Structures are given as structure tokens and as C-alpha cells.
Amino acid sequence: MNRFLQIFFVALLASIIVASAVLVFPAYHKNRNLVHQKIETKQKLIDKQLEYIKLRQTLSNITSKTEEVERIAREKFNLCKEQETVYKFIPNTDSGKQ
């Protein structure tokens, strides 16, 4: 009878360990995924904050510097000053073909 109790307790302990592992592993895996998500989200937040700072600086430059407004007008809208000649260079797409 004493040997039977030893085997029973060992089997009970083994089943408790297995059941604990089965219950804990999904929670551990989920926690690990959440930690990775948190890190990725923090990095996205930092990227957006940097983008925000750059946009605020651009806005500040536009409102305070006429040179910046001229640069944007030239680059984005192809505008120029009066009496100014603008040359556009179109790349040759046939280079290398004979």
C-alpha cells in the first residue's frame, strides 16, 4: 500500500506540473507578443513624433521666411518670378538604344 501511495503522489505531482505548463504557456506566449507589440508601438510613436517636429519646423519656416515659401513654390508648383527664365531638362530615354 505504501508503494501505491508513492506512485500515486508522483503521478499526481507530474499531472499538476503538466497542467500548470499547459495553463501557463499560452499566457506566457501572449505576454511575450504584447511586449513585442508595445516595443513596436513605442517605435512608431517616436517616428511620428519626429515627423511632427519636422512638419512643425517646416510650418514655422513657411510662416517666417519668404525664401522657404519661394522654394516650395518653385519645387512643387513650378512657379517663377517675373522676368525669370526657367529651363526644364528632360532626360533622354533613348540613350543606349541604336
PDB file of N, CA and C in Angstrom:
ATOM      1  N   MET A   1       0.810  -1.195   0.000  1.00  0.00           N
ATOM      2  CA  MET A   1       0.000   0.000   0.000  1.00  0.00           C
ATOM      3  C   MET A   1       0.858   1.266   0.000  1.00  0.00           C
ATOM      4  N   ASN A   2       1.982   1.212   0.735  1.00  0.00           N
ATOM      5  CA  ASN A   2       2.872   2.347   0.811  1.00  0.00           C
ATOM      6  C   ASN A   2       3.463   2.665  -0.561  1.00  0.00           C
ATOM      7  N   ARG A   3       3.805   1.651  -1.323  1.00  0.00           N
ATOM      8  CA  ARG A   3       4.363   1.832  -2.667  1.00  0.00           C
ATOM      9  C   ARG A   3       3.307   2.445  -3.594  1.00  0.00           C
ATOM     10  N   PHE A   4       2.081   2.012  -3.435  1.00  0.00           N
ATOM     11  CA  PHE A   4       0.975   2.552  -4.236  1.00  0.00           C
ATOM     12  C   PHE A   4       0.804   4.049  -3.980  1.00  0.00           C
ATOM     13  N   LEU A   5       0.880   4.490  -2.731  1.00  0.00           N
ATOM     14  CA  LEU A   5       0.761   5.909  -2.399  1.00  0.00           C
ATOM     15  C   LEU A   5       1.894   6.727  -3.006  1.00  0.00           C
ATOM     16  N   GLN A   6       3.100   6.175  -3.007  1.00  0.00           N
ATOM     17  CA  GLN A   6       4.234   6.874  -3.611  1.00  0.00           C
ATOM     18  C   GLN A   6       4.003   7.071  -5.116  1.00  0.00           C
ATOM     19  N   ILE A   7       3.587   6.033  -5.776  1.00  0.00           N
ATOM     20  CA  ILE A   7       3.321   6.124  -7.220  1.00  0.00           C
ATOM     21  C   ILE A   7       2.176   7.096  -7.477  1.00  0.00           C
ATOM     22  N   PHE A   8       1.138   7.036  -6.632  1.00  0.00           N
ATOM     23  CA  PHE A   8       0.008   7.946  -6.794  1.00  0.00           C
ATOM     24  C   PHE A   8       0.452   9.404  -6.646  1.00  0.00           C
ATOM     25  N   PHE A   9       1.246   9.719  -5.624  1.00  0.00           N
ATOM     26  CA  PHE A   9       1.696  11.097  -5.415  1.00  0.00           C
ATOM     27  C   PHE A   9       2.641  11.576  -6.518  1.00  0.00           C
ATOM     28  N   VAL A  10       3.484  10.687  -7.015  1.00  0.00           N
ATOM     29  CA  VAL A  10       4.376  11.051  -8.123  1.00  0.00           C
ATOM     30  C   VAL A  10       3.541  11.335  -9.366  1.00  0.00           C
ATOM     31  N   ALA A  11       2.547  10.482  -9.628  1.00  0.00           N
ATOM     32  CA  ALA A  11       1.672  10.700 -10.789  1.00  0.00           C
ATOM     33  C   ALA A  11       0.867  11.990 -10.611  1.00  0.00           C
ATOM     34  N   LEU A  12       0.403  12.233  -9.405  1.00  0.00           N
ATOM     35  CA  LEU A  12      -0.352  13.458  -9.123  1.00  0.00           C
ATOM     36  C   LEU A  12       0.544  14.686  -9.314  1.00  0.00           C
ATOM     37  N   LEU A  13       1.745  14.637  -8.830  1.00  0.00           N
ATOM     38  CA  LEU A  13       2.682  15.742  -8.986  1.00  0.00           C
ATOM     39  C   LEU A  13       3.003  15.968 -10.465  1.00  0.00           C
ATOM     40  N   ALA A  14       3.222  14.898 -11.200  1.00  0.00           N
ATOM     41  CA  ALA A  14       3.511  15.019 -12.631  1.00  0.00           C
ATOM     42  C   ALA A  14       2.326  15.629 -13.373  1.00  0.00           C
ATOM     43  N   SER A  15       1.118  15.212 -13.036  1.00  0.00           N
ATOM     44  CA  SER A  15      -0.065  15.757 -13.715  1.00  0.00           C
ATOM     45  C   SER A  15      -0.265  17.233 -13.348  1.00  0.00           C
ATOM     46  N   ILE A  16       0.052  17.607 -12.098  1.00  0.00           N
ATOM     47  CA  ILE A  16      -0.046  19.020 -11.706  1.00  0.00           C
ATOM     48  C   ILE A  16       0.967  19.848 -12.488  1.00  0.00           C
ATOM     49  N   ILE A  17       2.183  19.346 -12.651  1.00  0.00           N
ATOM     50  CA  ILE A  17       3.214  20.057 -13.408  1.00  0.00           C
ATOM     51  C   ILE A  17       2.791  20.216 -14.862  1.00  0.00           C
ATOM     52  N   VAL A  18       2.272  19.151 -15.462  1.00  0.00           N
ATOM     53  CA  VAL A  18       1.825  19.214 -16.859  1.00  0.00           C
ATOM     54  C   VAL A  18       0.652  20.174 -17.006  1.00  0.00           C
ATOM     55  N   ALA A  19      -0.303  20.104 -16.103  1.00  0.00           N
ATOM     56  CA  ALA A  19      -1.459  21.002 -16.163  1.00  0.00           C
ATOM     57  C   ALA A  19      -1.014  22.459 -15.982  1.00  0.00           C
ATOM     58  N   SER A  20      -0.080  22.699 -15.093  1.00  0.00           N
ATOM     59  CA  SER A  20       0.426  24.061 -14.896  1.00  0.00           C
ATOM     60  C   SER A  20       1.104  24.565 -16.168  1.00  0.00           C
ATOM     61  N   ALA A  21       1.903  23.708 -16.791  1.00  0.00           N
ATOM     62  CA  ALA A  21       2.585  24.107 -18.019  1.00  0.00           C
ATOM     63  C   ALA A  21       1.576  24.409 -19.126  1.00  0.00           C
ATOM     64  N   VAL A  22       0.536  23.579 -19.218  1.00  0.00           N
ATOM     65  CA  VAL A  22      -0.493  23.789 -20.239  1.00  0.00           C
ATOM     66  C   VAL A  22      -1.234  25.101 -19.994  1.00  0.00           C
ATOM     67  N   LEU A  23      -1.481  25.448 -18.768  1.00  0.00           N
ATOM     68  CA  LEU A  23      -2.197  26.680 -18.455  1.00  0.00           C
ATOM     69  C   LEU A  23      -1.301  27.922 -18.534  1.00  0.00           C
ATOM     70  N   VAL A  24      -0.030  27.797 -18.188  1.00  0.00           N
ATOM     71  CA  VAL A  24       0.861  28.949 -18.133  1.00  0.00           C
ATOM     72  C   VAL A  24       1.430  29.296 -19.513  1.00  0.00           C
ATOM     73  N   PHE A  25       1.715  28.315 -20.335  1.00  0.00           N
ATOM     74  CA  PHE A  25       2.357  28.576 -21.619  1.00  0.00           C
ATOM     75  C   PHE A  25       1.582  29.550 -22.499  1.00  0.00           C
ATOM     76  N   PRO A  26       0.258  29.399 -22.695  1.00  0.00           N
ATOM     77  CA  PRO A  26      -0.454  30.385 -23.526  1.00  0.00           C
ATOM     78  C   PRO A  26      -0.378  31.809 -22.959  1.00  0.00           C
ATOM     79  N   ALA A  27      -0.468  31.943 -21.660  1.00  0.00           N
ATOM     80  CA  ALA A  27      -0.381  33.270 -21.053  1.00  0.00           C
ATOM     81  C   ALA A  27       1.020  33.851 -21.254  1.00  0.00           C
ATOM     82  N   TYR A  28       2.048  33.034 -21.126  1.00  0.00           N
ATOM     83  CA  TYR A  28       3.421  33.480 -21.350  1.00  0.00           C
ATOM     84  C   TYR A  28       3.600  33.910 -22.801  1.00  0.00           C
ATOM     85  N   HIS A  29       3.094  33.119 -23.710  1.00  0.00           N
ATOM     86  CA  HIS A  29       3.210  33.429 -25.143  1.00  0.00           C
ATOM     87  C   HIS A  29       2.472  34.735 -25.468  1.00  0.00           C
ATOM     88  N   LYS A  30       1.284  34.903 -24.928  1.00  0.00           N
ATOM     89  CA  LYS A  30       0.505  36.125 -25.156  1.00  0.00           C
ATOM     90  C   LYS A  30       1.236  37.341 -24.579  1.00  0.00           C
ATOM     91  N   ASN A  31       1.793  37.190 -23.397  1.00  0.00           N
ATOM     92  CA  ASN A  31       2.539  38.280 -22.772  1.00  0.00           C
ATOM     93  C   ASN A  31       3.746  38.670 -23.622  1.00  0.00           C
ATOM     94  N   ARG A  32       4.445  37.687 -24.146  1.00  0.00           N
ATOM     95  CA  ARG A  32       5.606  37.963 -24.988  1.00  0.00           C
ATOM     96  C   ARG A  32       5.196  38.716 -26.248  1.00  0.00           C
ATOM     97  N   ASN A  33       4.084  38.335 -26.854  1.00  0.00           N
ATOM     98  CA  ASN A  33       3.582  39.039 -28.032  1.00  0.00           C
ATOM     99  C   ASN A  33       3.196  40.482 -27.684  1.00  0.00           C
ATOM    100  N   LEU A  34       2.573  40.669 -26.533  1.00  0.00           N
ATOM    101  CA  LEU A  34       2.192  42.018 -26.115  1.00  0.00           C
ATOM    102  C   LEU A  34       3.412  42.899 -25.861  1.00  0.00           C
ATOM    103  N   VAL A  35       4.466  42.320 -25.325  1.00  0.00           N
ATOM    104  CA  VAL A  35       5.697  43.081 -25.102  1.00  0.00           C
ATOM    105  C   VAL A  35       6.274  43.524 -26.448  1.00  0.00           C
ATOM    106  N   HIS A  36       6.283  42.619 -27.430  1.00  0.00           N
ATOM    107  CA  HIS A  36       6.778  42.981 -28.763  1.00  0.00           C
ATOM    108  C   HIS A  36       5.898  44.058 -29.393  1.00  0.00           C
ATOM    109  N   GLN A  37       4.601  43.939 -29.239  1.00  0.00           N
ATOM    110  CA  GLN A  37       3.685  44.966 -29.763  1.00  0.00           C
ATOM    111  C   GLN A  37       3.947  46.315 -29.107  1.00  0.00           C
ATOM    112  N   LYS A  38       4.196  46.300 -27.814  1.00  0.00           N
ATOM    113  CA  LYS A  38       4.465  47.538 -27.090  1.00  0.00           C
ATOM    114  C   LYS A  38       5.733  48.202 -27.621  1.00  0.00           C
ATOM    115  N   ILE A  39       6.762  47.418 -27.857  1.00  0.00           N
ATOM    116  CA  ILE A  39       8.016  47.959 -28.388  1.00  0.00           C
ATOM    117  C   ILE A  39       7.794  48.554 -29.775  1.00  0.00           C
ATOM    118  N   GLU A  40       7.075  47.834 -30.634  1.00  0.00           N
ATOM    119  CA  GLU A  40       6.793  48.332 -31.983  1.00  0.00           C
ATOM    120  C   GLU A  40       5.961  49.619 -31.926  1.00  0.00           C
ATOM    121  N   THR A  41       4.985  49.654 -31.039  1.00  0.00           N
ATOM    122  CA  THR A  41       4.134  50.837 -30.915  1.00  0.00           C
ATOM    123  C   THR A  41       4.932  52.032 -30.410  1.00  0.00           C
ATOM    124  N   LYS A  42       5.835  51.804 -29.468  1.00  0.00           N
ATOM    125  CA  LYS A  42       6.684  52.895 -28.983  1.00  0.00           C
ATOM    126  C   LYS A  42       7.562  53.427 -30.114  1.00  0.00           C
ATOM    127  N   GLN A  43       8.100  52.532 -30.943  1.00  0.00           N
ATOM    128  CA  GLN A  43       8.942  52.969 -32.053  1.00  0.00           C
ATOM    129  C   GLN A  43       8.127  53.776 -33.060  1.00  0.00           C
ATOM    130  N   LYS A  44       6.899  53.342 -33.336  1.00  0.00           N
ATOM    131  CA  LYS A  44       6.023  54.100 -34.236  1.00  0.00           C
ATOM    132  C   LYS A  44       5.716  55.474 -33.655  1.00  0.00           C
ATOM    133  N   LEU A  45       5.491  55.528 -32.355  1.00  0.00           N
ATOM    134  CA  LEU A  45       5.232  56.804 -31.696  1.00  0.00           C
ATOM    135  C   LEU A  45       6.435  57.740 -31.833  1.00  0.00           C
ATOM    136  N   ILE A  46       7.624  57.228 -31.623  1.00  0.00           N
ATOM    137  CA  ILE A  46       8.834  58.045 -31.763  1.00  0.00           C
ATOM    138  C   ILE A  46       8.965  58.546 -33.198  1.00  0.00           C
ATOM    139  N   ASP A  47       8.720  57.658 -34.179  1.00  0.00           N
ATOM    140  CA  ASP A  47       8.785  58.068 -35.591  1.00  0.00           C
ATOM    141  C   ASP A  47       7.780  59.169 -35.892  1.00  0.00           C
ATOM    142  N   LYS A  48       6.570  59.029 -35.391  1.00  0.00           N
ATOM    143  CA  LYS A  48       5.536  60.049 -35.622  1.00  0.00           C
ATOM    144  C   LYS A  48       5.887  61.359 -34.923  1.00  0.00           C
ATOM    145  N   GLN A  49       6.479  61.271 -33.752  1.00  0.00           N
ATOM    146  CA  GLN A  49       6.884  62.490 -33.050  1.00  0.00           C
ATOM    147  C   GLN A  49       7.973  63.224 -33.832  1.00  0.00           C
ATOM    148  N   LEU A  50       8.923  62.470 -34.389  1.00  0.00           N
ATOM    149  CA  LEU A  50       9.964  63.095 -35.208  1.00  0.00           C
ATOM    150  C   LEU A  50       9.371  63.734 -36.457  1.00  0.00           C
ATOM    151  N   GLU A  51       8.431  63.034 -37.085  1.00  0.00           N
ATOM    152  CA  GLU A  51       7.757  63.583 -38.262  1.00  0.00           C
ATOM    153  C   GLU A  51       7.002  64.863 -37.891  1.00  0.00           C
ATOM    154  N   TYR A  52       6.344  64.861 -36.745  1.00  0.00           N
ATOM    155  CA  TYR A  52       5.608  66.024 -36.265  1.00  0.00           C
ATOM    156  C   TYR A  52       6.560  67.207 -36.064  1.00  0.00           C
ATOM    157  N   ILE A  53       7.716  66.940 -35.457  1.00  0.00           N
ATOM    158  CA  ILE A  53       8.691  68.014 -35.226  1.00  0.00           C
ATOM    159  C   ILE A  53       9.169  68.598 -36.550  1.00  0.00           C
ATOM    160  N   LYS A  54       9.438  67.742 -37.525  1.00  0.00           N
ATOM    161  CA  LYS A  54       9.874  68.227 -38.839  1.00  0.00           C
ATOM    162  C   LYS A  54       8.784  69.061 -39.505  1.00  0.00           C
ATOM    163  N   LEU A  55       7.543  68.602 -39.423  1.00  0.00           N
ATOM    164  CA  LEU A  55       6.444  69.352 -40.024  1.00  0.00           C
ATOM    165  C   LEU A  55       6.238  70.690 -39.319  1.00  0.00           C
ATOM    166  N   ARG A  56       6.368  70.712 -38.003  1.00  0.00           N
ATOM    167  CA  ARG A  56       6.241  71.978 -37.271  1.00  0.00           C
ATOM    168  C   ARG A  56       7.355  72.944 -37.674  1.00  0.00           C
ATOM    169  N   GLN A  57       8.556  72.407 -37.881  1.00  0.00           N
ATOM    170  CA  GLN A  57       9.675  73.252 -38.295  1.00  0.00           C
ATOM    171  C   GLN A  57       9.431  73.807 -39.696  1.00  0.00           C
ATOM    172  N   THR A  58       8.921  72.964 -40.587  1.00  0.00           N
ATOM    173  CA  THR A  58       8.596  73.425 -41.936  1.00  0.00           C
ATOM    174  C   THR A  58       7.526  74.502 -41.886  1.00  0.00           C
ATOM    175  N   LEU A  59       6.507  74.296 -41.080  1.00  0.00           N
ATOM    176  CA  LEU A  59       5.451  75.294 -40.935  1.00  0.00           C
ATOM    177  C   LEU A  59       6.010  76.603 -40.384  1.00  0.00           C
ATOM    178  N   SER A  60       6.874  76.500 -39.418  1.00  0.00           N
ATOM    179  CA  SER A  60       7.495  77.691 -38.854  1.00  0.00           C
ATOM    180  C   SER A  60       8.326  78.419 -39.910  1.00  0.00           C
ATOM    181  N   ASN A  61       9.068  77.670 -40.705  1.00  0.00           N
ATOM    182  CA  ASN A  61       9.870  78.278 -41.768  1.00  0.00           C
ATOM    183  C   ASN A  61       8.987  78.957 -42.812  1.00  0.00           C
ATOM    184  N   ILE A  62       7.886  78.325 -43.150  1.00  0.00           N
ATOM    185  CA  ILE A  62       6.991  78.891 -44.158  1.00  0.00           C
ATOM    186  C   ILE A  62       6.397  80.206 -43.669  1.00  0.00           C
ATOM    187  N   THR A  63       6.012  80.231 -42.419  1.00  0.00           N
ATOM    188  CA  THR A  63       5.365  81.441 -41.908  1.00  0.00           C
ATOM    189  C   THR A  63       6.340  82.561 -41.607  1.00  0.00           C
ATOM    190  N   SER A  64       7.624  82.241 -41.444  1.00  0.00           N
ATOM    191  CA  SER A  64       8.572  83.290 -41.057  1.00  0.00           C
ATOM    192  C   SER A  64       9.592  83.637 -42.138  1.00  0.00           C
ATOM    193  N   LYS A  65       9.806  82.776 -43.111  1.00  0.00           N
ATOM    194  CA  LYS A  65      10.846  83.021 -44.108  1.00  0.00           C
ATOM    195  C   LYS A  65      10.251  83.028 -45.508  1.00  0.00           C
ATOM    196  N   THR A  66      10.420  84.122 -46.202  1.00  0.00           N
ATOM    197  CA  THR A  66       9.902  84.189 -47.581  1.00  0.00           C
ATOM    198  C   THR A  66      10.699  83.295 -48.518  1.00  0.00           C
ATOM    199  N   GLU A  67      11.980  83.056 -48.210  1.00  0.00           N
ATOM    200  CA  GLU A  67      12.787  82.171 -49.057  1.00  0.00           C
ATOM    201  C   GLU A  67      12.212  80.757 -49.077  1.00  0.00           C
ATOM    202  N   GLU A  68      11.718  80.320 -47.949  1.00  0.00           N
ATOM    203  CA  GLU A  68      11.138  78.977 -47.867  1.00  0.00           C
ATOM    204  C   GLU A  68       9.867  78.895 -48.709  1.00  0.00           C
ATOM    205  N   VAL A  69       9.061  79.934 -48.670  1.00  0.00           N
ATOM    206  CA  VAL A  69       7.841  79.968 -49.483  1.00  0.00           C
ATOM    207  C   VAL A  69       8.209  79.943 -50.961  1.00  0.00           C
ATOM    208  N   GLU A  70       9.222  80.700 -51.338  1.00  0.00           N
ATOM    209  CA  GLU A  70       9.668  80.711 -52.737  1.00  0.00           C
ATOM    210  C   GLU A  70      10.180  79.331 -53.154  1.00  0.00           C
ATOM    211  N   ARG A  71      10.959  78.701 -52.295  1.00  0.00           N
ATOM    212  CA  ARG A  71      11.495  77.374 -52.613  1.00  0.00           C
ATOM    213  C   ARG A  71      10.371  76.367 -52.850  1.00  0.00           C
ATOM    214  N   ILE A  72       9.380  76.383 -51.989  1.00  0.00           N
ATOM    215  CA  ILE A  72       8.260  75.455 -52.134  1.00  0.00           C
ATOM    216  C   ILE A  72       7.465  75.770 -53.400  1.00  0.00           C
ATOM    217  N   ALA A  73       7.255  77.057 -53.681  1.00  0.00           N
ATOM    218  CA  ALA A  73       6.527  77.449 -54.888  1.00  0.00           C
ATOM    219  C   ALA A  73       7.268  76.991 -56.138  1.00  0.00           C
ATOM    220  N   ARG A  74       8.574  77.086 -56.114  1.00  0.00           N
ATOM    221  CA  ARG A  74       9.369  76.657 -57.268  1.00  0.00           C
ATOM    222  C   ARG A  74       9.354  75.132 -57.423  1.00  0.00           C
ATOM    223  N   GLU A  75       9.575  74.420 -56.321  1.00  0.00           N
ATOM    224  CA  GLU A  75       9.693  72.965 -56.396  1.00  0.00           C
ATOM    225  C   GLU A  75       8.360  72.270 -56.655  1.00  0.00           C
ATOM    226  N   LYS A  76       7.350  72.670 -55.945  1.00  0.00           N
ATOM    227  CA  LYS A  76       6.081  71.933 -56.016  1.00  0.00           C
ATOM    228  C   LYS A  76       5.153  72.444 -57.114  1.00  0.00           C
ATOM    229  N   PHE A  77       5.179  73.744 -57.379  1.00  0.00           N
ATOM    230  CA  PHE A  77       4.204  74.315 -58.303  1.00  0.00           C
ATOM    231  C   PHE A  77       4.840  74.877 -59.580  1.00  0.00           C
ATOM    232  N   ASN A  78       6.152  74.697 -59.723  1.00  0.00           N
ATOM    233  CA  ASN A  78       6.874  75.167 -60.916  1.00  0.00           C
ATOM    234  C   ASN A  78       6.629  76.644 -61.190  1.00  0.00           C
ATOM    235  N   LEU A  79       6.599  77.466 -60.173  1.00  0.00           N
ATOM    236  CA  LEU A  79       6.407  78.901 -60.328  1.00  0.00           C
ATOM    237  C   LEU A  79       7.758  79.600 -60.425  1.00  0.00           C
ATOM    238  N   CYS A  80       7.744  80.807 -60.959  1.00  0.00           N
ATOM    239  CA  CYS A  80       8.965  81.594 -61.046  1.00  0.00           C
ATOM    240  C   CYS A  80       8.620  83.062 -60.885  1.00  0.00           C
ATOM    241  N   LYS A  81       9.665  83.886 -60.702  1.00  0.00           N
ATOM    242  CA  LYS A  81       9.478  85.325 -60.565  1.00  0.00           C
ATOM    243  C   LYS A  81       9.302  85.947 -61.943  1.00  0.00           C
ATOM    244  N   GLU A  82       8.794  87.175 -61.963  1.00  0.00           N
ATOM    245  CA  GLU A  82       8.660  87.890 -63.236  1.00  0.00           C
ATOM    246  C   GLU A  82      10.054  88.110 -63.824  1.00  0.00           C
ATOM    247  N   GLN A  83      10.118  88.113 -65.164  1.00  0.00           N
ATOM    248  CA  GLN A  83      11.366  88.318 -65.892  1.00  0.00           C
ATOM    249  C   GLN A  83      12.388  87.210 -65.629  1.00  0.00           C
ATOM    250  N   GLU A  84      11.954  86.078 -65.139  1.00  0.00           N
ATOM    251  CA  GLU A  84      12.858  84.977 -64.862  1.00  0.00           C
ATOM    252  C   GLU A  84      12.605  83.877 -65.885  1.00  0.00           C
ATOM    253  N   THR A  85      13.647  83.266 -66.385  1.00  0.00           N
ATOM    254  CA  THR A  85      13.526  82.196 -67.370  1.00  0.00           C
ATOM    255  C   THR A  85      13.791  80.871 -66.670  1.00  0.00           C
ATOM    256  N   VAL A  86      12.913  79.925 -66.911  1.00  0.00           N
ATOM    257  CA  VAL A  86      13.042  78.608 -66.298  1.00  0.00           C
ATOM    258  C   VAL A  86      13.367  77.602 -67.389  1.00  0.00           C
ATOM    259  N   TYR A  87      14.394  76.817 -67.163  1.00  0.00           N
ATOM    260  CA  TYR A  87      14.775  75.762 -68.090  1.00  0.00           C
ATOM    261  C   TYR A  87      14.454  74.420 -67.458  1.00  0.00           C
ATOM    262  N   LYS A  88      13.783  73.574 -68.240  1.00  0.00           N
ATOM    263  CA  LYS A  88      13.486  72.223 -67.767  1.00  0.00           C
ATOM    264  C   LYS A  88      14.322  71.256 -68.583  1.00  0.00           C
ATOM    265  N   PHE A  89      14.975  70.367 -67.903  1.00  0.00           N
ATOM    266  CA  PHE A  89      15.785  69.358 -68.569  1.00  0.00           C
ATOM    267  C   PHE A  89      15.031  68.037 -68.516  1.00  0.00           C
ATOM    268  N   ILE A  90      14.760  67.509 -69.684  1.00  0.00           N
ATOM    269  CA  ILE A  90      14.050  66.237 -69.786  1.00  0.00           C
ATOM    270  C   ILE A  90      15.085  65.162 -70.108  1.00  0.00           C
ATOM    271  N   PRO A  91      15.150  64.116 -69.283  1.00  0.00           N
ATOM    272  CA  PRO A  91      16.151  63.085 -69.526  1.00  0.00           C
ATOM    273  C   PRO A  91      15.875  62.359 -70.837  1.00  0.00           C
ATOM    274  N   ASN A  92      16.941  62.023 -71.515  1.00  0.00           N
ATOM    275  CA  ASN A  92      16.819  61.300 -72.781  1.00  0.00           C
ATOM    276  C   ASN A  92      16.547  59.840 -72.482  1.00  0.00           C
ATOM    277  N   THR A  93      15.388  59.369 -72.865  1.00  0.00           N
ATOM    278  CA  THR A  93      15.024  57.978 -72.598  1.00  0.00           C
ATOM    279  C   THR A  93      15.563  57.014 -73.648  1.00  0.00           C
ATOM    280  N   ASP A  94      16.065  57.546 -74.762  1.00  0.00           N
ATOM    281  CA  ASP A  94      16.580  56.692 -75.829  1.00  0.00           C
ATOM    282  C   ASP A  94      18.080  56.481 -75.731  1.00  0.00           C
ATOM    283  N   SER A  95      18.714  56.918 -74.663  1.00  0.00           N
ATOM    284  CA  SER A  95      20.169  56.753 -74.565  1.00  0.00           C
ATOM    285  C   SER A  95      20.499  55.265 -74.431  1.00  0.00           C
ATOM    286  N   GLY A  96      21.478  54.879 -75.225  1.00  0.00           N
ATOM    287  CA  GLY A  96      21.897  53.479 -75.197  1.00  0.00           C
ATOM    288  C   GLY A  96      21.204  52.641 -76.261  1.00  0.00           C
ATOM    289  N   LYS A  97      20.123  53.128 -76.869  1.00  0.00           N
ATOM    290  CA  LYS A  97      19.422  52.375 -77.901  1.00  0.00           C
ATOM    291  C   LYS A  97      19.891  52.872 -79.263  1.00  0.00           C
ATOM    292  N   GLN A  98      20.147  51.960 -80.179  1.00  0.00           N
ATOM    293  CA  GLN A  98      20.558  52.346 -81.534  1.00  0.00           C
ATOM    294  C   GLN A  98      19.748  51.609 -82.547  1.00  0.00           C
TER     295      GLN A  98
END
